[in-house]
Amino acid sequence: MISLLVLADDFTGALDTGVQFVKQGIKTEVLTVKDLDFTAYDTDVLVINTETRHLSGSETFAIISNLVKKAKEAGVKYVYKKTDSALRGNIGAELEAALSAFNATRLAFLPAYPQISRTTENGVQYIDGVAVNESHFGRDPYEPVKNAAIKDIVAEQSKVAVYNVTNLNDALPQDAGILVFDAKTTDDLIAAGKKALLEEKIAVSAGCAGFATFLPELLNIKPSLQKKHPLLSPKFLTICGSVNPITLAQLKFAQEHGFARISLTPEEKLNADFLNSEIGKKLLVTLGEQIKLQDKLIIESNDAGDHSNNAPTKAYAENNGLTSADIRERISWTMGHIAKAALDLHLPLTLLLTGGDTLLKCMKCANVTKLEPICEIEDGVVLAAFYYQNEKVNVITKSGGFGPEDLLVKIAATLKQ
């Protein structure tokens, strides 16, 4: 029977969180299905990618409410709303929906992820000591974060009361609402979790993958699985749909250290019919030949040359009347189709996908709805597996904003060993 339901608004977030339980030996499933019978699943933790990051607040509220209501009716004891550590997405709508649908009075929100230098101080979210709206997330061309005060972010989509908890020695508010806990270190995060979940018995909580790692102990979910690590192919293909500066630095470093790198043109990634054209089909054949030839290959959606600017893509989008949402959607579908084309080669390879949208579209193109988290290579970098045409595929996933500059090079060296 399911003890804990985890809801994430994108696929990398779902895996980042799911792997926190798997690495502790806890039976966990990660799904993209949103219309399901909770009683049919024999797992301790069920993680669902709700795909709500880019929906409207009202659409998000309806999806989260429906899932949480069904989960409670099926006897699920606890709900964890996984949120983005940079507070992107429909935070207010999601938290209010989880709180009301579970018929709970209070929700404990612990958005800090100190393991990767993301902290909450006086109710404000920081990335490496900089307010999130002033960090590179605030400069994202497609999804900029415009506010760092969590109370204000929630208020954009919800009228639920929000209380900042800055001192655990003080009594927690007993009024209905969302309790936002400060945390600068993992010790702070654990102490806040004990206060909220153990002492106060709050059943609905929210936060990042960083806090999820402590949920098994706090909620008394026991391990039942033996850890298994697969043998990975040294043939390493990275498919990147991210424009995040952290990812761009990783791609540049990898290219300087022996990776081949292919950048798609604006038409190749933004013309919705391109891959169905004769030229598009030839492109897939060419990419397939490169995948066979290269042991370390990057296929990316950033423009060739000045990768940080993407000026040709912006110009093409403007000339064709494409919005930021159109750009994001078309790029992710293109990268998803390329990933499927790579799978259709049936080569022994290890696939790395960056960005939740890229991963999701790959799964949709391959008609896959379930992934098995295996382990965490680094914080925020997850190894998972799925079955495609009866073949097991190992896939490494990461959000665009995670990881050191030499991440791809380090992964390639590990695979070679």
Protein backbone atom coordinates (compact mmCIF):
# COMPACT_ATOMS: atom_id res chain seq x y z
CA MET A 1 0.00 0.00 0.00
CA ILE A 2 1.19 3.49 -0.79
CA SER A 3 2.39 5.38 2.28
CA LEU A 4 3.55 8.54 0.53
CA LEU A 5 2.39 10.29 -2.62
CA VAL A 6 4.89 12.69 -4.21
CA LEU A 7 3.72 15.13 -6.88
CA ALA A 8 6.31 16.90 -9.06
CA ASP A 9 5.58 19.43 -11.79
CA ASP A 10 8.26 18.13 -14.18
CA PHE A 11 10.03 14.87 -14.94
CA THR A 12 13.53 15.65 -13.68
CA GLY A 13 11.97 16.85 -10.44
CA ALA A 14 10.05 13.59 -10.13
CA LEU A 15 13.20 11.55 -10.59
CA ASP A 16 15.33 13.80 -8.36
CA THR A 17 12.85 13.14 -5.59
CA GLY A 18 12.08 9.49 -6.30
CA VAL A 19 15.74 8.51 -6.18
CA GLN A 20 16.01 9.88 -2.62
CA PHE A 21 13.83 6.96 -1.50
CA VAL A 22 15.31 4.30 -3.80
CA LYS A 23 18.84 4.92 -2.55
CA GLN A 24 17.55 4.13 0.95
CA GLY A 25 16.09 0.83 -0.23
CA ILE A 26 12.47 2.01 -0.33
CA LYS A 27 10.17 0.65 -3.02
CA THR A 28 9.35 3.57 -5.33
CA GLU A 29 7.65 4.03 -8.70
CA VAL A 30 7.79 7.12 -10.92
CA LEU A 31 4.90 7.64 -13.36
CA THR A 32 3.64 10.16 -15.89
CA VAL A 33 0.07 8.83 -15.71
CA LYS A 34 -2.36 11.24 -13.99
CA ASP A 35 -5.60 9.21 -14.21
CA LEU A 36 -4.94 6.19 -12.04
CA ASP A 37 -6.30 3.88 -9.38
CA PHE A 38 -4.07 4.30 -6.34
CA THR A 39 -5.19 0.97 -4.87
CA ALA A 40 -3.67 -0.85 -7.86
CA TYR A 41 -0.06 0.06 -6.96
CA ASP A 42 2.02 -2.07 -4.60
CA THR A 43 4.72 0.39 -3.63
CA ASP A 44 5.73 2.39 -0.57
CA VAL A 45 6.23 5.66 -2.43
CA LEU A 46 4.47 6.71 -5.62
CA VAL A 47 5.90 9.68 -7.52
CA ILE A 48 3.82 11.31 -10.26
CA ASN A 49 5.04 13.82 -12.81
CA THR A 50 1.97 16.05 -13.12
CA GLU A 51 3.38 18.11 -16.03
CA THR A 52 1.97 21.28 -14.46
CA ARG A 53 5.04 23.53 -14.60
CA HIS A 54 3.81 25.44 -17.65
CA LEU A 55 0.03 25.20 -17.19
CA SER A 56 -2.26 27.91 -15.88
CA GLY A 57 -2.93 28.19 -12.15
CA SER A 58 -6.52 26.94 -12.54
CA GLU A 59 -5.46 23.91 -14.62
CA THR A 60 -2.75 23.09 -12.10
CA PHE A 61 -5.15 23.41 -9.16
CA ALA A 62 -7.60 20.98 -10.78
CA ILE A 63 -4.93 18.33 -11.52
CA ILE A 64 -3.34 18.44 -8.07
CA SER A 65 -6.72 18.48 -6.30
CA ASN A 66 -7.94 15.44 -8.21
CA LEU A 67 -4.81 13.39 -7.49
CA VAL A 68 -4.64 14.29 -3.80
CA LYS A 69 -8.34 13.66 -3.25
CA LYS A 70 -8.13 10.22 -4.89
CA ALA A 71 -4.99 9.39 -2.91
CA LYS A 72 -6.62 10.22 0.41
CA GLU A 73 -9.71 8.19 -0.49
CA ALA A 74 -7.38 5.25 -1.24
CA GLY A 75 -5.80 5.50 2.21
CA VAL A 76 -2.52 7.25 1.36
CA LYS A 77 -1.22 8.68 4.65
CA TYR A 78 1.07 11.45 3.48
CA VAL A 79 1.43 13.84 0.55
CA TYR A 80 4.62 15.65 -0.49
CA LYS A 81 4.39 18.38 -3.10
CA LYS A 82 7.80 18.56 -4.72
CA THR A 83 8.54 22.14 -5.73
CA ASP A 84 11.28 23.63 -7.86
CA SER A 85 14.24 24.87 -5.80
CA ALA A 86 14.21 28.11 -7.81
CA LEU A 87 10.44 28.45 -7.17
CA ARG A 88 9.43 28.21 -10.82
CA GLY A 89 5.97 27.00 -11.74
CA ASN A 90 2.57 27.29 -10.09
CA ILE A 91 3.66 27.24 -6.45
CA GLY A 92 0.59 28.95 -4.96
CA ALA A 93 -1.97 26.90 -6.89
CA GLU A 94 -0.20 23.62 -6.14
CA LEU A 95 0.19 24.17 -2.41
CA GLU A 96 -3.39 25.37 -1.95
CA ALA A 97 -4.72 22.41 -3.96
CA ALA A 98 -2.73 19.87 -1.92
CA LEU A 99 -3.79 21.45 1.36
CA SER A 100 -7.51 21.70 0.57
CA ALA A 101 -7.88 18.36 -1.26
CA PHE A 102 -6.29 16.45 1.64
CA ASN A 103 -8.65 18.35 3.96
CA ALA A 104 -5.67 19.39 6.08
CA THR A 105 -5.37 22.51 8.19
CA ARG A 106 -1.66 23.25 7.73
CA LEU A 107 0.98 22.52 5.11
CA ALA A 108 4.69 22.52 5.98
CA PHE A 109 6.75 24.11 3.19
CA LEU A 110 10.53 23.55 3.34
CA PRO A 111 11.84 24.91 0.01
CA ALA A 112 15.55 25.01 0.90
CA TYR A 113 18.03 22.65 -0.77
CA PRO A 114 21.23 23.40 1.16
CA GLN A 115 22.99 20.40 -0.40
CA ILE A 116 23.29 22.50 -3.57
CA SER A 117 23.52 25.93 -1.87
CA ARG A 118 19.83 26.87 -2.11
CA THR A 119 18.63 28.34 1.15
CA THR A 120 15.59 29.99 2.71
CA GLU A 121 16.22 32.96 4.99
CA ASN A 122 13.46 35.13 6.49
CA GLY A 123 11.06 33.64 3.96
CA VAL A 124 13.26 34.56 0.97
CA GLN A 125 14.80 31.99 -1.41
CA TYR A 126 18.53 32.28 -2.22
CA ILE A 127 20.77 30.60 -4.81
CA ASP A 128 24.44 30.62 -3.79
CA GLY A 129 23.71 33.54 -1.46
CA VAL A 130 21.88 35.59 -4.12
CA ALA A 131 18.11 36.16 -4.08
CA VAL A 132 16.68 33.79 -6.68
CA ASN A 133 15.16 36.58 -8.79
CA GLU A 134 18.62 38.21 -9.02
CA SER A 135 20.38 34.94 -9.93
CA HIS A 136 20.65 33.41 -13.40
CA PHE A 137 17.13 32.03 -12.87
CA GLY A 138 15.89 35.61 -12.90
CA ARG A 139 17.50 36.06 -16.32
CA ASP A 140 16.07 32.94 -17.92
CA PRO A 141 14.85 33.96 -21.42
CA TYR A 142 11.78 31.72 -21.31
CA GLU A 143 10.87 31.38 -17.64
CA PRO A 144 12.41 34.16 -15.50
CA VAL A 145 11.85 34.07 -11.74
CA LYS A 146 10.58 37.52 -10.79
CA ASN A 147 10.20 37.24 -7.01
CA ALA A 148 12.20 35.70 -4.17
CA ALA A 149 9.79 36.26 -1.25
CA ILE A 150 7.88 33.00 -0.84
CA LYS A 151 4.87 34.64 0.77
CA ASP A 152 4.49 36.92 -2.28
CA ILE A 153 4.98 34.03 -4.72
CA VAL A 154 2.19 32.02 -3.09
CA ALA A 155 -0.06 35.08 -2.99
CA GLU A 156 0.15 35.42 -6.79
CA GLN A 157 -2.10 32.35 -7.16
CA SER A 158 -3.64 31.73 -3.75
CA LYS A 159 -5.42 33.47 -0.88
CA VAL A 160 -4.21 30.90 1.67
CA ALA A 161 -2.47 32.46 4.66
CA VAL A 162 1.33 32.09 4.71
CA TYR A 163 3.43 32.19 7.89
CA ASN A 164 7.23 32.47 7.89
CA VAL A 165 8.82 30.24 10.52
CA THR A 166 12.22 31.76 11.29
CA ASN A 167 12.77 30.42 14.83
CA LEU A 168 11.96 26.82 15.77
CA ASN A 169 11.98 27.72 19.45
CA ASP A 170 8.79 29.70 18.93
CA ALA A 171 5.41 27.96 18.91
CA LEU A 172 4.18 27.27 15.39
CA PRO A 173 1.07 29.08 14.17
CA GLN A 174 -2.02 26.94 14.69
CA ASP A 175 -4.21 28.85 12.23
CA ALA A 176 -4.95 27.30 8.85
CA GLY A 177 -2.35 28.03 6.20
CA ILE A 178 1.11 27.35 4.81
CA LEU A 179 4.11 27.34 7.16
CA VAL A 180 7.33 28.36 5.36
CA PHE A 181 10.42 27.16 7.26
CA ASP A 182 13.81 28.82 7.04
CA ALA A 183 16.85 26.58 6.49
CA LYS A 184 20.46 27.45 5.68
CA THR A 185 21.96 24.00 6.39
CA THR A 186 20.87 20.38 6.25
CA ASP A 187 20.76 20.41 10.06
CA ASP A 188 18.27 23.29 9.84
CA LEU A 189 16.22 21.32 7.35
CA ILE A 190 16.16 18.20 9.54
CA ALA A 191 15.24 20.20 12.64
CA ALA A 192 12.41 21.93 10.79
CA GLY A 193 11.17 18.60 9.49
CA LYS A 194 11.14 17.08 12.97
CA LYS A 195 9.25 20.08 14.31
CA ALA A 196 6.62 19.99 11.56
CA LEU A 197 6.17 16.30 10.81
CA LEU A 198 7.03 14.60 14.12
CA GLU A 199 5.98 17.08 16.78
CA GLU A 200 3.11 18.79 14.96
CA LYS A 201 2.04 15.68 12.96
CA ILE A 202 1.54 17.69 9.75
CA ALA A 203 0.60 15.20 6.99
CA VAL A 204 0.96 17.44 3.92
CA SER A 205 4.36 18.92 3.21
CA ALA A 206 6.23 20.47 0.31
CA GLY A 207 9.78 21.26 -0.74
CA CYS A 208 12.66 20.11 -2.91
CA ALA A 209 14.43 16.80 -3.38
CA GLY A 210 16.79 17.98 -0.63
CA PHE A 211 14.17 17.61 2.08
CA ALA A 212 12.68 14.47 0.52
CA THR A 213 15.78 12.50 1.50
CA PHE A 214 14.78 12.88 5.18
CA LEU A 215 11.12 11.88 4.73
CA PRO A 216 11.59 8.10 5.19
CA GLU A 217 12.94 8.57 8.71
CA LEU A 218 10.44 11.30 9.59
CA LEU A 219 7.47 9.32 8.27
CA ASN A 220 8.76 5.91 9.41
CA ILE A 221 8.90 4.39 5.92
CA LYS A 222 11.11 1.30 6.13
CA PRO A 223 13.49 -0.04 3.45
CA SER A 224 12.55 -3.24 1.66
CA LEU A 225 14.81 -3.37 -1.42
CA GLN A 226 18.40 -4.35 -2.13
CA LYS A 227 20.39 -1.72 -4.00
CA LYS A 228 21.30 -2.65 -7.59
CA HIS A 229 23.60 -0.73 -9.94
CA PRO A 230 23.72 -1.70 -13.63
CA LEU A 231 26.75 -1.98 -15.90
CA LEU A 232 26.65 1.13 -18.10
CA SER A 233 27.83 1.51 -21.68
CA PRO A 234 30.78 3.91 -22.18
CA LYS A 235 29.09 5.15 -25.37
CA PHE A 236 27.72 8.44 -24.04
CA LEU A 237 25.09 10.57 -25.77
CA THR A 238 23.93 13.88 -24.30
CA ILE A 239 20.74 15.44 -25.66
CA CYS A 240 20.37 18.95 -24.31
CA GLY A 241 17.30 21.17 -24.52
CA SER A 242 18.45 23.58 -21.81
CA VAL A 243 19.66 27.17 -22.20
CA ASN A 244 20.65 27.51 -18.55
CA PRO A 245 24.12 29.09 -18.10
CA ILE A 246 25.20 26.23 -15.82
CA THR A 247 24.44 23.70 -18.55
CA LEU A 248 26.11 25.86 -21.21
CA ALA A 249 29.30 25.91 -19.13
CA GLN A 250 29.13 22.10 -18.85
CA LEU A 251 28.74 21.72 -22.62
CA LYS A 252 31.63 24.09 -23.33
CA PHE A 253 33.91 22.28 -20.88
CA ALA A 254 32.97 18.91 -22.38
CA GLN A 255 33.69 20.10 -25.92
CA GLU A 256 37.09 21.38 -24.80
CA HIS A 257 37.78 17.91 -23.39
CA GLY A 258 37.01 15.71 -26.36
CA PHE A 259 33.22 15.69 -26.80
CA ALA A 260 31.79 16.15 -30.28
CA ARG A 261 29.07 18.80 -30.30
CA ILE A 262 26.20 19.31 -32.77
CA SER A 263 23.96 22.39 -32.57
CA LEU A 264 20.59 22.42 -34.31
CA THR A 265 19.67 25.34 -36.54
CA PRO A 266 16.63 27.51 -35.68
CA GLU A 267 14.56 25.90 -38.45
CA GLU A 268 15.54 22.38 -37.38
CA LYS A 269 14.33 22.91 -33.82
CA LEU A 270 11.47 25.42 -34.27
CA ASN A 271 9.73 24.32 -37.47
CA ALA A 272 7.07 21.91 -36.20
CA ASP A 273 7.02 19.98 -39.51
CA PHE A 274 10.76 19.94 -40.14
CA LEU A 275 11.56 16.40 -38.98
CA ASN A 276 8.74 15.04 -41.16
CA SER A 277 10.21 16.69 -44.26
CA GLU A 278 12.73 15.00 -46.55
CA ILE A 279 15.46 17.31 -45.24
CA GLY A 280 14.42 16.54 -41.68
CA LYS A 281 14.55 12.79 -42.28
CA LYS A 282 18.03 13.19 -43.73
CA LEU A 283 19.04 15.12 -40.60
CA LEU A 284 17.94 12.20 -38.40
CA VAL A 285 19.99 9.83 -40.57
CA THR A 286 23.02 12.11 -40.27
CA LEU A 287 22.61 12.38 -36.51
CA GLY A 288 22.29 8.59 -36.32
CA GLU A 289 25.58 8.20 -38.19
CA GLN A 290 27.28 10.57 -35.75
CA ILE A 291 25.83 8.71 -32.77
CA LYS A 292 27.31 5.48 -34.15
CA LEU A 293 30.66 7.15 -34.88
CA GLN A 294 31.20 9.22 -31.72
CA ASP A 295 31.70 7.76 -28.24
CA LYS A 296 31.06 11.14 -26.57
CA LEU A 297 28.49 13.24 -28.41
CA ILE A 298 26.35 16.25 -27.54
CA ILE A 299 23.26 17.17 -29.58
CA GLU A 300 21.90 20.48 -28.36
CA SER A 301 19.24 23.10 -29.00
CA ASN A 302 21.57 26.08 -28.45
CA ASP A 303 22.76 27.98 -31.53
CA ALA A 304 26.20 27.27 -32.91
CA GLY A 305 28.90 29.85 -32.21
CA ASP A 306 27.72 32.24 -29.50
CA HIS A 307 25.82 29.65 -27.47
CA SER A 308 24.96 32.08 -24.69
CA ASN A 309 23.02 34.47 -26.89
CA ASN A 310 20.87 32.26 -29.18
CA ALA A 311 20.22 35.36 -31.31
CA PRO A 312 19.43 33.38 -34.52
CA THR A 313 16.79 31.39 -32.66
CA LYS A 314 15.24 34.53 -31.22
CA ALA A 315 15.16 36.15 -34.68
CA TYR A 316 13.59 33.07 -36.30
CA ALA A 317 10.96 32.91 -33.56
CA GLU A 318 10.13 36.60 -33.91
CA ASN A 319 9.86 36.35 -37.72
CA ASN A 320 7.49 33.40 -37.38
CA GLY A 321 5.36 34.83 -34.59
CA LEU A 322 6.45 32.27 -31.98
CA THR A 323 6.01 33.00 -28.28
CA SER A 324 8.39 31.88 -25.52
CA ALA A 325 5.98 29.04 -24.75
CA ASP A 326 6.01 28.01 -28.43
CA ILE A 327 9.80 28.00 -28.46
CA ARG A 328 10.04 25.85 -25.34
CA GLU A 329 7.41 23.39 -26.56
CA ARG A 330 8.80 23.00 -30.07
CA ILE A 331 12.38 22.60 -28.91
CA SER A 332 11.44 19.94 -26.36
CA TRP A 333 9.43 17.97 -28.96
CA THR A 334 12.33 18.15 -31.42
CA MET A 335 14.80 16.90 -28.82
CA GLY A 336 12.34 14.19 -27.81
CA HIS A 337 12.08 12.92 -31.39
CA ILE A 338 15.86 12.94 -31.72
CA ALA A 339 16.15 10.93 -28.50
CA LYS A 340 13.69 8.37 -29.86
CA ALA A 341 15.64 8.18 -33.11
CA ALA A 342 18.73 7.39 -31.03
CA LEU A 343 16.83 4.63 -29.22
CA ASP A 344 15.72 3.19 -32.57
CA LEU A 345 19.38 2.58 -33.43
CA HIS A 346 19.36 -0.13 -30.71
CA LEU A 347 22.93 0.63 -29.72
CA PRO A 348 24.41 -0.01 -26.29
CA LEU A 349 24.61 3.57 -25.05
CA THR A 350 24.13 5.67 -21.96
CA LEU A 351 21.80 8.58 -22.58
CA LEU A 352 21.88 11.88 -20.70
CA LEU A 353 18.90 14.22 -21.04
CA THR A 354 18.92 17.74 -19.62
CA GLY A 355 15.73 19.53 -18.67
CA GLY A 356 12.40 18.10 -17.55
CA ASP A 357 10.68 19.04 -20.82
CA THR A 358 13.32 17.20 -22.85
CA LEU A 359 12.95 14.07 -20.74
CA LEU A 360 9.16 14.18 -20.83
CA LYS A 361 9.00 14.52 -24.62
CA CYS A 362 11.49 11.67 -25.02
CA MET A 363 9.23 9.46 -22.93
CA LYS A 364 6.15 10.51 -24.88
CA CYS A 365 7.82 9.90 -28.23
CA ALA A 366 8.91 6.46 -27.01
CA ASN A 367 5.46 5.79 -25.49
CA VAL A 368 6.96 5.17 -22.05
CA THR A 369 5.09 6.15 -18.87
CA LYS A 370 7.21 4.59 -16.10
CA LEU A 371 10.82 5.03 -15.01
CA GLU A 372 12.83 3.19 -12.38
CA PRO A 373 15.15 5.47 -10.37
CA ILE A 374 18.41 3.65 -9.64
CA CYS A 375 20.84 5.99 -7.93
CA GLU A 376 22.07 9.55 -7.69
CA ILE A 377 25.36 10.26 -9.45
CA GLU A 378 25.57 13.70 -7.84
CA ASP A 379 23.02 15.91 -6.13
CA GLY A 380 20.34 16.55 -8.74
CA VAL A 381 21.85 14.11 -11.29
CA VAL A 382 19.91 10.85 -11.41
CA LEU A 383 20.47 7.52 -13.12
CA ALA A 384 17.21 5.81 -14.07
CA ALA A 385 16.05 3.08 -16.43
CA PHE A 386 13.06 2.32 -18.61
CA TYR A 387 12.09 -0.31 -21.15
CA TYR A 388 11.80 0.54 -24.84
CA GLN A 389 10.79 -2.24 -27.24
CA ASN A 390 11.77 -4.83 -24.61
CA GLU A 391 15.24 -3.31 -24.21
CA LYS A 392 16.39 -1.73 -20.97
CA VAL A 393 17.64 1.81 -21.49
CA ASN A 394 19.82 3.57 -18.92
CA VAL A 395 19.22 7.30 -18.82
CA ILE A 396 20.90 10.01 -16.75
CA THR A 397 18.75 13.06 -16.09
CA LYS A 398 19.40 16.47 -14.66
CA SER A 399 17.75 19.83 -14.43
CA GLY A 400 19.42 22.57 -16.48
CA GLY A 401 20.54 24.46 -13.37
CA PHE A 402 22.41 21.64 -11.62
CA GLY A 403 25.94 20.30 -11.58
CA PRO A 404 29.61 21.38 -11.71
CA GLU A 405 31.32 22.56 -14.88
CA ASP A 406 33.12 19.25 -15.45
CA LEU A 407 30.02 17.09 -14.89
CA LEU A 408 29.84 15.51 -18.36
CA VAL A 409 33.57 14.82 -18.41
CA LYS A 410 33.39 13.14 -14.99
CA ILE A 411 30.41 11.01 -16.07
CA ALA A 412 32.23 9.94 -19.26
CA ALA A 413 35.28 8.91 -17.22
CA THR A 414 33.10 6.90 -14.85
CA LEU A 415 31.41 5.11 -17.77
CA LYS A 416 34.78 4.25 -19.28
CA GLN A 417 35.81 2.59 -16.03
